[in-house]
């Protein structure tokens, strides 16, 4: 399975996005990461990798941004998405 991790680099390291791809690669999956603030055209990165699924690590305050981005990507590409991280783990929304 081809798994793309989308992240928005900030002042803190996101543990899940830095460790989970290593585990997935050891188990036969192909993983890439696209940093939204580092990429001038993140859509080109998504198109080039052509993932089966996209994974997000969501912190509180970034939840609406991730949902909006995911809607845009699902309109353009045929893929699934999974959300993880602190906001998803601890929020009841």
PDB file of N, CA and C in Angstrom:
ATOM      1  N   UNK A   1       0.846  -1.180   0.000  1.00  0.00           N
ATOM      2  CA  UNK A   1       0.000   0.000   0.000  1.00  0.00           C
ATOM      3  C   UNK A   1       0.889   1.240   0.000  1.00  0.00           C
ATOM      4  N   UNK A   2       0.498   2.230  -0.753  1.00  0.00           N
ATOM      5  CA  UNK A   2       1.213   3.504  -0.815  1.00  0.00           C
ATOM      6  C   UNK A   2       0.531   4.494   0.121  1.00  0.00           C
ATOM      7  N   UNK A   3       1.290   4.929   1.135  1.00  0.00           N
ATOM      8  CA  UNK A   3       0.743   5.789   2.182  1.00  0.00           C
ATOM      9  C   UNK A   3       1.485   7.115   2.175  1.00  0.00           C
ATOM     10  N   UNK A   4       0.730   8.203   2.065  1.00  0.00           N
ATOM     11  CA  UNK A   4       1.304   9.544   2.079  1.00  0.00           C
ATOM     12  C   UNK A   4       0.949  10.226   3.393  1.00  0.00           C
ATOM     13  N   UNK A   5       1.948  10.755   4.070  1.00  0.00           N
ATOM     14  CA  UNK A   5       1.743  11.529   5.285  1.00  0.00           C
ATOM     15  C   UNK A   5       1.857  13.000   4.925  1.00  0.00           C
ATOM     16  N   UNK A   6       0.807  13.750   5.209  1.00  0.00           N
ATOM     17  CA  UNK A   6       0.816  15.196   4.984  1.00  0.00           C
ATOM     18  C   UNK A   6       0.982  15.879   6.324  1.00  0.00           C
ATOM     19  N   UNK A   7       1.920  16.781   6.391  1.00  0.00           N
ATOM     20  CA  UNK A   7       2.146  17.494   7.641  1.00  0.00           C
ATOM     21  C   UNK A   7       2.457  18.951   7.361  1.00  0.00           C
ATOM     22  N   UNK A   8       2.189  19.731   8.345  1.00  0.00           N
ATOM     23  CA  UNK A   8       2.500  21.156   8.273  1.00  0.00           C
ATOM     24  C   UNK A   8       3.576  21.388   9.321  1.00  0.00           C
ATOM     25  N   UNK A   9       4.820  21.530   8.876  1.00  0.00           N
ATOM     26  CA  UNK A   9       5.936  21.676   9.813  1.00  0.00           C
ATOM     27  C   UNK A   9       5.730  22.879  10.701  1.00  0.00           C
ATOM     28  N   UNK A  10       5.960  22.662  11.988  1.00  0.00           N
ATOM     29  CA  UNK A  10       5.816  23.741  12.954  1.00  0.00           C
ATOM     30  C   UNK A  10       6.959  23.669  13.946  1.00  0.00           C
ATOM     31  N   UNK A  11       6.782  24.269  15.095  1.00  0.00           N
ATOM     32  CA  UNK A  11       7.826  24.349  16.103  1.00  0.00           C
ATOM     33  C   UNK A  11       8.026  23.058  16.883  1.00  0.00           C
ATOM     34  N   UNK A  12       7.142  22.078  16.706  1.00  0.00           N
ATOM     35  CA  UNK A  12       7.277  20.841  17.470  1.00  0.00           C
ATOM     36  C   UNK A  12       7.336  19.632  16.543  1.00  0.00           C
ATOM     37  N   UNK A  13       8.042  18.606  16.997  1.00  0.00           N
ATOM     38  CA  UNK A  13       8.147  17.376  16.237  1.00  0.00           C
ATOM     39  C   UNK A  13       6.886  16.541  16.468  1.00  0.00           C
ATOM     40  N   UNK A  14       6.333  16.021  15.398  1.00  0.00           N
ATOM     41  CA  UNK A  14       5.135  15.200  15.501  1.00  0.00           C
ATOM     42  C   UNK A  14       5.585  13.746  15.547  1.00  0.00           C
ATOM     43  N   UNK A  15       5.532  13.148  16.733  1.00  0.00           N
ATOM     44  CA  UNK A  15       6.094  11.822  16.969  1.00  0.00           C
ATOM     45  C   UNK A  15       5.492  10.758  16.051  1.00  0.00           C
ATOM     46  N   UNK A  16       4.183  10.719  15.910  1.00  0.00           N
ATOM     47  CA  UNK A  16       3.539   9.689  15.100  1.00  0.00           C
ATOM     48  C   UNK A  16       3.981   9.717  13.652  1.00  0.00           C
ATOM     49  N   UNK A  17       4.064  10.901  13.083  1.00  0.00           N
ATOM     50  CA  UNK A  17       4.427  11.028  11.674  1.00  0.00           C
ATOM     51  C   UNK A  17       5.911  10.736  11.468  1.00  0.00           C
ATOM     52  N   UNK A  18       6.722  10.845  12.513  1.00  0.00           N
ATOM     53  CA  UNK A  18       8.142  10.541  12.337  1.00  0.00           C
ATOM     54  C   UNK A  18       8.465   9.074  12.618  1.00  0.00           C
ATOM     55  N   UNK A  19       7.619   8.374  13.360  1.00  0.00           N
ATOM     56  CA  UNK A  19       7.916   6.976  13.694  1.00  0.00           C
ATOM     57  C   UNK A  19       7.066   5.969  12.922  1.00  0.00           C
ATOM     58  N   UNK A  20       5.835   6.280  12.663  1.00  0.00           N
ATOM     59  CA  UNK A  20       4.929   5.343  11.996  1.00  0.00           C
ATOM     60  C   UNK A  20       5.405   4.925  10.604  1.00  0.00           C
ATOM     61  N   UNK A  21       5.916   5.831   9.764  1.00  0.00           N
ATOM     62  CA  UNK A  21       6.393   5.388   8.452  1.00  0.00           C
ATOM     63  C   UNK A  21       7.504   4.336   8.520  1.00  0.00           C
ATOM     64  N   UNK A  22       8.383   4.432   9.506  1.00  0.00           N
ATOM     65  CA  UNK A  22       9.452   3.431   9.644  1.00  0.00           C
ATOM     66  C   UNK A  22       8.854   2.050   9.897  1.00  0.00           C
ATOM     67  N   UNK A  23       7.873   1.974  10.788  1.00  0.00           N
ATOM     68  CA  UNK A  23       7.209   0.707  11.069  1.00  0.00           C
ATOM     69  C   UNK A  23       6.498   0.175   9.826  1.00  0.00           C
ATOM     70  N   UNK A  24       5.798   1.048   9.132  1.00  0.00           N
ATOM     71  CA  UNK A  24       5.063   0.632   7.933  1.00  0.00           C
ATOM     72  C   UNK A  24       6.001   0.157   6.830  1.00  0.00           C
ATOM     73  N   UNK A  25       7.131   0.827   6.644  1.00  0.00           N
ATOM     74  CA  UNK A  25       8.104   0.403   5.635  1.00  0.00           C
ATOM     75  C   UNK A  25       8.676  -0.971   5.965  1.00  0.00           C
ATOM     76  N   UNK A  26       8.926  -1.233   7.251  1.00  0.00           N
ATOM     77  CA  UNK A  26       9.427  -2.541   7.670  1.00  0.00           C
ATOM     78  C   UNK A  26       8.426  -3.641   7.369  1.00  0.00           C
ATOM     79  N   UNK A  27       7.160  -3.277   7.233  1.00  0.00           N
ATOM     80  CA  UNK A  27       6.109  -4.251   6.972  1.00  0.00           C
ATOM     81  C   UNK A  27       5.603  -4.187   5.534  1.00  0.00           C
ATOM     82  N   UNK A  28       6.445  -3.706   4.622  1.00  0.00           N
ATOM     83  CA  UNK A  28       6.166  -3.802   3.201  1.00  0.00           C
ATOM     84  C   UNK A  28       5.391  -2.675   2.547  1.00  0.00           C
ATOM     85  N   UNK A  29       5.119  -1.610   3.270  1.00  0.00           N
ATOM     86  CA  UNK A  29       4.378  -0.498   2.683  1.00  0.00           C
ATOM     87  C   UNK A  29       5.341   0.560   2.147  1.00  0.00           C
ATOM     88  N   UNK A  30       4.878   1.305   1.175  1.00  0.00           N
ATOM     89  CA  UNK A  30       5.653   2.402   0.608  1.00  0.00           C
ATOM     90  C   UNK A  30       5.123   3.700   1.212  1.00  0.00           C
ATOM     91  N   UNK A  31       6.007   4.488   1.804  1.00  0.00           N
ATOM     92  CA  UNK A  31       5.584   5.711   2.494  1.00  0.00           C
ATOM     93  C   UNK A  31       6.372   6.924   2.002  1.00  0.00           C
ATOM     94  N   UNK A  32       5.692   8.042   1.949  1.00  0.00           N
ATOM     95  CA  UNK A  32       6.305   9.330   1.641  1.00  0.00           C
ATOM     96  C   UNK A  32       5.685  10.366   2.563  1.00  0.00           C
ATOM     97  N   UNK A  33       6.396  11.494   2.700  1.00  0.00           N
ATOM     98  CA  UNK A  33       5.859  12.595   3.483  1.00  0.00           C
ATOM     99  C   UNK A  33       5.969  13.870   2.655  1.00  0.00           C
ATOM    100  N   UNK A  34       4.929  14.666   2.697  1.00  0.00           N
ATOM    101  CA  UNK A  34       4.927  15.973   2.046  1.00  0.00           C
ATOM    102  C   UNK A  34       4.709  17.014   3.129  1.00  0.00           C
ATOM    103  N   UNK A  35       5.674  17.902   3.269  1.00  0.00           N
ATOM    104  CA  UNK A  35       5.554  19.006   4.219  1.00  0.00           C
ATOM    105  C   UNK A  35       4.891  20.182   3.528  1.00  0.00           C
ATOM    106  N   UNK A  36       3.730  20.559   3.992  1.00  0.00           N
ATOM    107  CA  UNK A  36       2.960  21.605   3.314  1.00  0.00           C
ATOM    108  C   UNK A  36       3.673  22.946   3.303  1.00  0.00           C
ATOM    109  N   UNK A  37       4.379  23.287   4.391  1.00  0.00           N
ATOM    110  CA  UNK A  37       5.060  24.575   4.399  1.00  0.00           C
ATOM    111  C   UNK A  37       6.364  24.557   3.625  1.00  0.00           C
ATOM    112  N   UNK A  38       6.898  23.363   3.345  1.00  0.00           N
ATOM    113  CA  UNK A  38       8.145  23.257   2.594  1.00  0.00           C
ATOM    114  C   UNK A  38       7.908  23.113   1.098  1.00  0.00           C
ATOM    115  N   UNK A  39       6.720  22.715   0.715  1.00  0.00           N
ATOM    116  CA  UNK A  39       6.414  22.439  -0.690  1.00  0.00           C
ATOM    117  C   UNK A  39       5.668  23.611  -1.314  1.00  0.00           C
ATOM    118  N   UNK A  40       6.172  24.080  -2.432  1.00  0.00           N
ATOM    119  CA  UNK A  40       5.472  25.170  -3.113  1.00  0.00           C
ATOM    120  C   UNK A  40       4.200  24.660  -3.773  1.00  0.00           C
ATOM    121  N   UNK A  41       4.213  23.398  -4.185  1.00  0.00           N
ATOM    122  CA  UNK A  41       3.042  22.802  -4.819  1.00  0.00           C
ATOM    123  C   UNK A  41       2.831  21.401  -4.253  1.00  0.00           C
ATOM    124  N   UNK A  42       2.126  21.317  -3.123  1.00  0.00           N
ATOM    125  CA  UNK A  42       1.911  20.016  -2.485  1.00  0.00           C
ATOM    126  C   UNK A  42       1.070  19.093  -3.359  1.00  0.00           C
ATOM    127  N   UNK A  43       0.218  19.664  -4.229  1.00  0.00           N
ATOM    128  CA  UNK A  43      -0.580  18.823  -5.120  1.00  0.00           C
ATOM    129  C   UNK A  43       0.311  18.040  -6.083  1.00  0.00           C
ATOM    130  N   UNK A  44       1.409  18.635  -6.489  1.00  0.00           N
ATOM    131  CA  UNK A  44       2.352  17.940  -7.356  1.00  0.00           C
ATOM    132  C   UNK A  44       2.953  16.748  -6.613  1.00  0.00           C
ATOM    133  N   UNK A  45       3.258  16.904  -5.331  1.00  0.00           N
ATOM    134  CA  UNK A  45       3.785  15.805  -4.528  1.00  0.00           C
ATOM    135  C   UNK A  45       2.783  14.674  -4.384  1.00  0.00           C
ATOM    136  N   UNK A  46       1.510  15.029  -4.187  1.00  0.00           N
ATOM    137  CA  UNK A  46       0.459  14.012  -4.088  1.00  0.00           C
ATOM    138  C   UNK A  46       0.309  13.300  -5.427  1.00  0.00           C
ATOM    139  N   UNK A  47       0.265  14.052  -6.489  1.00  0.00           N
ATOM    140  CA  UNK A  47       0.109  13.486  -7.830  1.00  0.00           C
ATOM    141  C   UNK A  47       1.287  12.574  -8.181  1.00  0.00           C
ATOM    142  N   UNK A  48       2.497  12.995  -7.867  1.00  0.00           N
ATOM    143  CA  UNK A  48       3.694  12.225  -8.214  1.00  0.00           C
ATOM    144  C   UNK A  48       3.760  10.898  -7.451  1.00  0.00           C
ATOM    145  N   UNK A  49       3.378  10.908  -6.180  1.00  0.00           N
ATOM    146  CA  UNK A  49       3.434   9.684  -5.381  1.00  0.00           C
ATOM    147  C   UNK A  49       2.234   8.788  -5.650  1.00  0.00           C
ATOM    148  N   UNK A  50       1.097   9.382  -5.982  1.00  0.00           N
ATOM    149  CA  UNK A  50      -0.134   8.642  -6.272  1.00  0.00           C
ATOM    150  C   UNK A  50      -0.500   7.651  -5.147  1.00  0.00           C
ATOM    151  N   UNK A  51      -0.801   8.173  -3.960  1.00  0.00           N
ATOM    152  CA  UNK A  51      -1.028   7.294  -2.809  1.00  0.00           C
ATOM    153  C   UNK A  51      -2.382   6.586  -2.847  1.00  0.00           C
ATOM    154  N   UNK A  52      -2.437   5.465  -2.124  1.00  0.00           N
ATOM    155  CA  UNK A  52      -3.717   4.786  -1.901  1.00  0.00           C
ATOM    156  C   UNK A  52      -4.468   5.459  -0.768  1.00  0.00           C
ATOM    157  N   UNK A  53      -3.716   5.989   0.194  1.00  0.00           N
ATOM    158  CA  UNK A  53      -4.311   6.639   1.346  1.00  0.00           C
ATOM    159  C   UNK A  53      -3.417   7.773   1.834  1.00  0.00           C
ATOM    160  N   UNK A  54      -4.030   8.733   2.480  1.00  0.00           N
ATOM    161  CA  UNK A  54      -3.315   9.860   3.083  1.00  0.00           C
ATOM    162  C   UNK A  54      -3.557   9.808   4.579  1.00  0.00           C
ATOM    163  N   UNK A  55      -2.527  10.101   5.334  1.00  0.00           N
ATOM    164  CA  UNK A  55      -2.619  10.117   6.800  1.00  0.00           C
ATOM    165  C   UNK A  55      -2.273  11.510   7.306  1.00  0.00           C
ATOM    166  N   UNK A  56      -3.023  11.939   8.307  1.00  0.00           N
ATOM    167  CA  UNK A  56      -2.817  13.244   8.921  1.00  0.00           C
ATOM    168  C   UNK A  56      -2.600  13.061  10.415  1.00  0.00           C
ATOM    169  N   UNK A  57      -1.726  13.859  10.988  1.00  0.00           N
ATOM    170  CA  UNK A  57      -1.619  13.966  12.441  1.00  0.00           C
ATOM    171  C   UNK A  57      -2.252  15.300  12.801  1.00  0.00           C
ATOM    172  N   UNK A  58      -3.327  15.247  13.568  1.00  0.00           N
ATOM    173  CA  UNK A  58      -4.134  16.440  13.821  1.00  0.00           C
ATOM    174  C   UNK A  58      -3.953  16.909  15.256  1.00  0.00           C
ATOM    175  N   UNK A  59      -3.521  18.156  15.402  1.00  0.00           N
ATOM    176  CA  UNK A  59      -3.462  18.785  16.705  1.00  0.00           C
ATOM    177  C   UNK A  59      -4.636  19.748  16.820  1.00  0.00           C
ATOM    178  N   UNK A  60      -5.032  20.050  18.039  1.00  0.00           N
ATOM    179  CA  UNK A  60      -6.138  20.974  18.256  1.00  0.00           C
ATOM    180  C   UNK A  60      -5.780  22.327  17.645  1.00  0.00           C
ATOM    181  N   UNK A  61      -6.701  22.866  16.918  1.00  0.00           N
ATOM    182  CA  UNK A  61      -6.475  24.124  16.220  1.00  0.00           C
ATOM    183  C   UNK A  61      -6.146  23.907  14.748  1.00  0.00           C
ATOM    184  N   UNK A  62      -5.743  22.695  14.393  1.00  0.00           N
ATOM    185  CA  UNK A  62      -5.454  22.344  13.000  1.00  0.00           C
ATOM    186  C   UNK A  62      -6.514  21.415  12.426  1.00  0.00           C
ATOM    187  N   UNK A  63      -7.518  21.093  13.233  1.00  0.00           N
ATOM    188  CA  UNK A  63      -8.526  20.124  12.808  1.00  0.00           C
ATOM    189  C   UNK A  63      -9.319  20.623  11.599  1.00  0.00           C
ATOM    190  N   UNK A  64      -9.751  21.867  11.596  1.00  0.00           N
ATOM    191  CA  UNK A  64     -10.532  22.379  10.475  1.00  0.00           C
ATOM    192  C   UNK A  64      -9.669  22.524   9.218  1.00  0.00           C
ATOM    193  N   UNK A  65      -8.404  22.900   9.399  1.00  0.00           N
ATOM    194  CA  UNK A  65      -7.487  22.975   8.266  1.00  0.00           C
ATOM    195  C   UNK A  65      -7.335  21.596   7.615  1.00  0.00           C
ATOM    196  N   UNK A  66      -7.122  20.555   8.424  1.00  0.00           N
ATOM    197  CA  UNK A  66      -6.943  19.194   7.899  1.00  0.00           C
ATOM    198  C   UNK A  66      -8.208  18.689   7.213  1.00  0.00           C
ATOM    199  N   UNK A  67      -9.364  18.970   7.783  1.00  0.00           N
ATOM    200  CA  UNK A  67     -10.629  18.556   7.158  1.00  0.00           C
ATOM    201  C   UNK A  67     -10.825  19.248   5.810  1.00  0.00           C
ATOM    202  N   UNK A  68     -10.530  20.547   5.759  1.00  0.00           N
ATOM    203  CA  UNK A  68     -10.678  21.298   4.518  1.00  0.00           C
ATOM    204  C   UNK A  68      -9.699  20.792   3.456  1.00  0.00           C
ATOM    205  N   UNK A  69      -8.463  20.561   3.852  1.00  0.00           N
ATOM    206  CA  UNK A  69      -7.460  20.040   2.931  1.00  0.00           C
ATOM    207  C   UNK A  69      -7.868  18.665   2.419  1.00  0.00           C
ATOM    208  N   UNK A  70      -8.372  17.830   3.305  1.00  0.00           N
ATOM    209  CA  UNK A  70      -8.787  16.482   2.917  1.00  0.00           C
ATOM    210  C   UNK A  70      -9.941  16.524   1.911  1.00  0.00           C
ATOM    211  N   UNK A  71     -10.892  17.414   2.120  1.00  0.00           N
ATOM    212  CA  UNK A  71     -12.007  17.551   1.156  1.00  0.00           C
ATOM    213  C   UNK A  71     -11.478  17.937  -0.224  1.00  0.00           C
ATOM    214  N   UNK A  72     -10.548  18.870  -0.247  1.00  0.00           N
ATOM    215  CA  UNK A  72      -9.964  19.304  -1.519  1.00  0.00           C
ATOM    216  C   UNK A  72      -9.253  18.135  -2.214  1.00  0.00           C
ATOM    217  N   UNK A  73      -8.478  17.372  -1.468  1.00  0.00           N
ATOM    218  CA  UNK A  73      -7.732  16.258  -2.056  1.00  0.00           C
ATOM    219  C   UNK A  73      -8.658  15.146  -2.535  1.00  0.00           C
ATOM    220  N   UNK A  74      -9.719  14.870  -1.783  1.00  0.00           N
ATOM    221  CA  UNK A  74     -10.652  13.817  -2.188  1.00  0.00           C
ATOM    222  C   UNK A  74     -11.446  14.226  -3.429  1.00  0.00           C
ATOM    223  N   UNK A  75     -11.628  15.525  -3.638  1.00  0.00           N
ATOM    224  CA  UNK A  75     -12.277  15.994  -4.868  1.00  0.00           C
ATOM    225  C   UNK A  75     -11.378  15.800  -6.088  1.00  0.00           C
ATOM    226  N   UNK A  76     -10.068  15.833  -5.880  1.00  0.00           N
ATOM    227  CA  UNK A  76      -9.112  15.755  -6.984  1.00  0.00           C
ATOM    228  C   UNK A  76      -8.564  14.350  -7.234  1.00  0.00           C
ATOM    229  N   UNK A  77      -8.492  13.534  -6.180  1.00  0.00           N
ATOM    230  CA  UNK A  77      -7.854  12.222  -6.279  1.00  0.00           C
ATOM    231  C   UNK A  77      -8.763  11.138  -5.711  1.00  0.00           C
ATOM    232  N   UNK A  78      -8.547   9.923  -6.169  1.00  0.00           N
ATOM    233  CA  UNK A  78      -9.285   8.776  -5.641  1.00  0.00           C
ATOM    234  C   UNK A  78      -8.429   8.138  -4.554  1.00  0.00           C
ATOM    235  N   UNK A  79      -8.740   8.431  -3.301  1.00  0.00           N
ATOM    236  CA  UNK A  79      -7.962   7.905  -2.183  1.00  0.00           C
ATOM    237  C   UNK A  79      -8.791   7.906  -0.908  1.00  0.00           C
ATOM    238  N   UNK A  80      -8.281   7.213   0.090  1.00  0.00           N
ATOM    239  CA  UNK A  80      -8.901   7.235   1.410  1.00  0.00           C
ATOM    240  C   UNK A  80      -8.024   8.082   2.323  1.00  0.00           C
ATOM    241  N   UNK A  81      -8.526   8.378   3.502  1.00  0.00           N
ATOM    242  CA  UNK A  81      -7.760   9.196   4.440  1.00  0.00           C
ATOM    243  C   UNK A  81      -8.004   8.713   5.862  1.00  0.00           C
ATOM    244  N   UNK A  82      -6.988   8.875   6.687  1.00  0.00           N
ATOM    245  CA  UNK A  82      -7.088   8.553   8.112  1.00  0.00           C
ATOM    246  C   UNK A  82      -6.536   9.721   8.907  1.00  0.00           C
ATOM    247  N   UNK A  83      -7.197  10.007  10.013  1.00  0.00           N
ATOM    248  CA  UNK A  83      -6.770  11.078  10.899  1.00  0.00           C
ATOM    249  C   UNK A  83      -6.341  10.463  12.225  1.00  0.00           C
ATOM    250  N   UNK A  84      -5.206  10.905  12.732  1.00  0.00           N
ATOM    251  CA  UNK A  84      -4.710  10.468  14.030  1.00  0.00           C
ATOM    252  C   UNK A  84      -4.138  11.676  14.737  1.00  0.00           C
ATOM    253  N   UNK A  85      -3.483  11.427  15.837  1.00  0.00           N
ATOM    254  CA  UNK A  85      -2.851  12.507  16.585  1.00  0.00           C
ATOM    255  C   UNK A  85      -3.629  12.888  17.826  1.00  0.00           C
ATOM    256  N   UNK A  86      -3.114  13.866  18.576  1.00  0.00           N
ATOM    257  CA  UNK A  86      -3.694  14.224  19.864  1.00  0.00           C
ATOM    258  C   UNK A  86      -5.141  14.701  19.797  1.00  0.00           C
ATOM    259  N   UNK A  87      -5.471  15.514  18.805  1.00  0.00           N
ATOM    260  CA  UNK A  87      -6.837  16.042  18.735  1.00  0.00           C
ATOM    261  C   UNK A  87      -7.843  14.916  18.504  1.00  0.00           C
ATOM    262  N   UNK A  88      -7.514  14.032  17.588  1.00  0.00           N
ATOM    263  CA  UNK A  88      -8.414  12.918  17.278  1.00  0.00           C
ATOM    264  C   UNK A  88      -8.524  11.972  18.472  1.00  0.00           C
ATOM    265  N   UNK A  89      -7.420  11.756  19.161  1.00  0.00           N
ATOM    266  CA  UNK A  89      -7.410  10.836  20.307  1.00  0.00           C
ATOM    267  C   UNK A  89      -8.227  11.371  21.471  1.00  0.00           C
ATOM    268  N   UNK A  90      -8.134  12.665  21.750  1.00  0.00           N
ATOM    269  CA  UNK A  90      -8.743  13.196  22.975  1.00  0.00           C
ATOM    270  C   UNK A  90     -10.016  14.008  22.764  1.00  0.00           C
ATOM    271  N   UNK A  91     -10.360  14.350  21.531  1.00  0.00           N
ATOM    272  CA  UNK A  91     -11.552  15.152  21.282  1.00  0.00           C
ATOM    273  C   UNK A  91     -12.773  14.244  21.123  1.00  0.00           C
ATOM    274  N   UNK A  92     -13.912  14.732  21.540  1.00  0.00           N
ATOM    275  CA  UNK A  92     -15.159  13.956  21.406  1.00  0.00           C
ATOM    276  C   UNK A  92     -15.992  14.456  20.243  1.00  0.00           C
ATOM    277  N   UNK A  93     -15.466  15.313  19.414  1.00  0.00           N
ATOM    278  CA  UNK A  93     -16.221  15.874  18.277  1.00  0.00           C
ATOM    279  C   UNK A  93     -16.384  14.830  17.221  1.00  0.00           C
TER     280      UNK A  93
END
